[in-house]
Each structure stands twice: as structure tokens, then as C-alpha cells.
Amino acid sequence: ALKGTNESLERQMREMEDAFGVEAANCQDNIARLQEEIQ
């Protein structure tokens, strides 16, 4: 039973990491665009 819980938590963690990576990439795009507007 614990093994299944562990696998479920690991899967959730990977999904969160993927979502965070996409969000971070979007933020970097916004930063680059804003820096271009400033100059």
C-alpha cells in the first residue's frame, strides 16, 4: 500500500515540476519582451 502511495506522490511531483517549468519559461519570455520595450 505504501509503495502505491509513494508512486502516486512521485507522479504528482513530476507533474508539478513540468507545470512549474512551463510557468518559468513564460515568465522568462515576459521578462525578455519587457526588457526590449525598455530599451
N, C-alpha and C. Protein backbone atom coordinates (compact mmCIF):
# COMPACT_ATOMS: atom_id res chain seq x y z
N ALA A 1 0.83 -1.21 0.00
CA ALA A 1 0.00 0.00 0.00
C ALA A 1 0.87 1.26 0.00
N LEU A 2 1.93 1.23 0.79
CA LEU A 2 2.81 2.40 0.83
C LEU A 2 3.50 2.63 -0.50
N LYS A 3 3.84 1.53 -1.19
CA LYS A 3 4.53 1.67 -2.47
C LYS A 3 3.64 2.42 -3.48
N GLY A 4 2.36 2.08 -3.49
CA GLY A 4 1.44 2.77 -4.40
C GLY A 4 1.33 4.25 -4.07
N THR A 5 1.29 4.56 -2.77
CA THR A 5 1.23 5.96 -2.34
C THR A 5 2.48 6.71 -2.79
N ASN A 6 3.62 6.06 -2.61
CA ASN A 6 4.89 6.67 -2.99
C ASN A 6 4.93 6.95 -4.49
N GLU A 7 4.49 5.99 -5.30
CA GLU A 7 4.48 6.18 -6.75
C GLU A 7 3.54 7.31 -7.14
N SER A 8 2.40 7.38 -6.47
CA SER A 8 1.44 8.44 -6.75
C SER A 8 2.03 9.81 -6.43
N LEU A 9 2.71 9.91 -5.30
CA LEU A 9 3.33 11.18 -4.91
C LEU A 9 4.44 11.57 -5.88
N GLU A 10 5.23 10.58 -6.31
CA GLU A 10 6.30 10.88 -7.27
C GLU A 10 5.72 11.37 -8.59
N ARG A 11 4.62 10.78 -9.03
CA ARG A 11 3.98 11.21 -10.28
C ARG A 11 3.47 12.64 -10.13
N GLN A 12 2.82 12.94 -9.01
CA GLN A 12 2.33 14.30 -8.77
C GLN A 12 3.47 15.30 -8.77
N MET A 13 4.60 14.91 -8.16
CA MET A 13 5.75 15.80 -8.09
C MET A 13 6.28 16.09 -9.48
N ARG A 14 6.37 15.05 -10.34
CA ARG A 14 6.84 15.26 -11.71
C ARG A 14 5.89 16.19 -12.47
N GLU A 15 4.58 16.00 -12.29
CA GLU A 15 3.61 16.86 -12.97
C GLU A 15 3.76 18.31 -12.52
N MET A 16 3.97 18.51 -11.22
CA MET A 16 4.17 19.86 -10.71
C MET A 16 5.44 20.48 -11.27
N GLU A 17 6.51 19.67 -11.37
CA GLU A 17 7.76 20.17 -11.94
C GLU A 17 7.57 20.58 -13.39
N ASP A 18 6.82 19.78 -14.15
CA ASP A 18 6.55 20.12 -15.55
C ASP A 18 5.79 21.43 -15.65
N ALA A 19 4.74 21.57 -14.83
CA ALA A 19 3.92 22.78 -14.85
C ALA A 19 4.77 23.99 -14.44
N PHE A 20 5.62 23.81 -13.45
CA PHE A 20 6.47 24.90 -12.99
C PHE A 20 7.45 25.31 -14.08
N GLY A 21 7.97 24.33 -14.80
CA GLY A 21 8.89 24.63 -15.89
C GLY A 21 8.24 25.47 -16.97
N VAL A 22 7.01 25.14 -17.32
CA VAL A 22 6.27 25.91 -18.33
C VAL A 22 6.04 27.33 -17.83
N GLU A 23 5.66 27.46 -16.56
CA GLU A 23 5.39 28.78 -15.99
C GLU A 23 6.66 29.62 -15.96
N ALA A 24 7.78 29.00 -15.59
CA ALA A 24 9.06 29.71 -15.55
C ALA A 24 9.45 30.18 -16.95
N ALA A 25 9.24 29.35 -17.95
CA ALA A 25 9.57 29.72 -19.33
C ALA A 25 8.72 30.91 -19.77
N ASN A 26 7.44 30.91 -19.41
CA ASN A 26 6.56 32.03 -19.75
C ASN A 26 7.04 33.31 -19.09
N CYS A 27 7.47 33.22 -17.84
CA CYS A 27 7.98 34.39 -17.14
C CYS A 27 9.23 34.92 -17.83
N GLN A 28 10.12 34.03 -18.25
CA GLN A 28 11.34 34.45 -18.93
C GLN A 28 11.01 35.15 -20.25
N ASP A 29 10.00 34.65 -20.95
CA ASP A 29 9.57 35.29 -22.20
C ASP A 29 9.07 36.70 -21.92
N ASN A 30 8.26 36.85 -20.85
CA ASN A 30 7.74 38.16 -20.49
C ASN A 30 8.87 39.12 -20.13
N ILE A 31 9.85 38.63 -19.37
CA ILE A 31 10.98 39.47 -18.98
C ILE A 31 11.74 39.95 -20.21
N ALA A 32 12.00 39.05 -21.15
CA ALA A 32 12.74 39.41 -22.36
C ALA A 32 11.96 40.46 -23.15
N ARG A 33 10.65 40.29 -23.25
CA ARG A 33 9.83 41.25 -24.01
C ARG A 33 9.85 42.62 -23.34
N LEU A 34 9.71 42.64 -22.02
CA LEU A 34 9.71 43.91 -21.29
C LEU A 34 11.07 44.60 -21.39
N GLN A 35 12.16 43.82 -21.35
CA GLN A 35 13.48 44.42 -21.47
C GLN A 35 13.65 45.07 -22.84
N GLU A 36 13.10 44.45 -23.87
CA GLU A 36 13.18 45.04 -25.21
C GLU A 36 12.39 46.34 -25.27
N GLU A 37 11.22 46.37 -24.59
CA GLU A 37 10.40 47.58 -24.60
C GLU A 37 11.11 48.74 -23.90
N ILE A 38 11.87 48.44 -22.86
CA ILE A 38 12.56 49.48 -22.09
C ILE A 38 13.62 50.17 -22.95
N GLN A 39 14.32 49.39 -23.74
CA GLN A 39 15.46 49.94 -24.49
C GLN A 39 15.03 50.74 -25.70
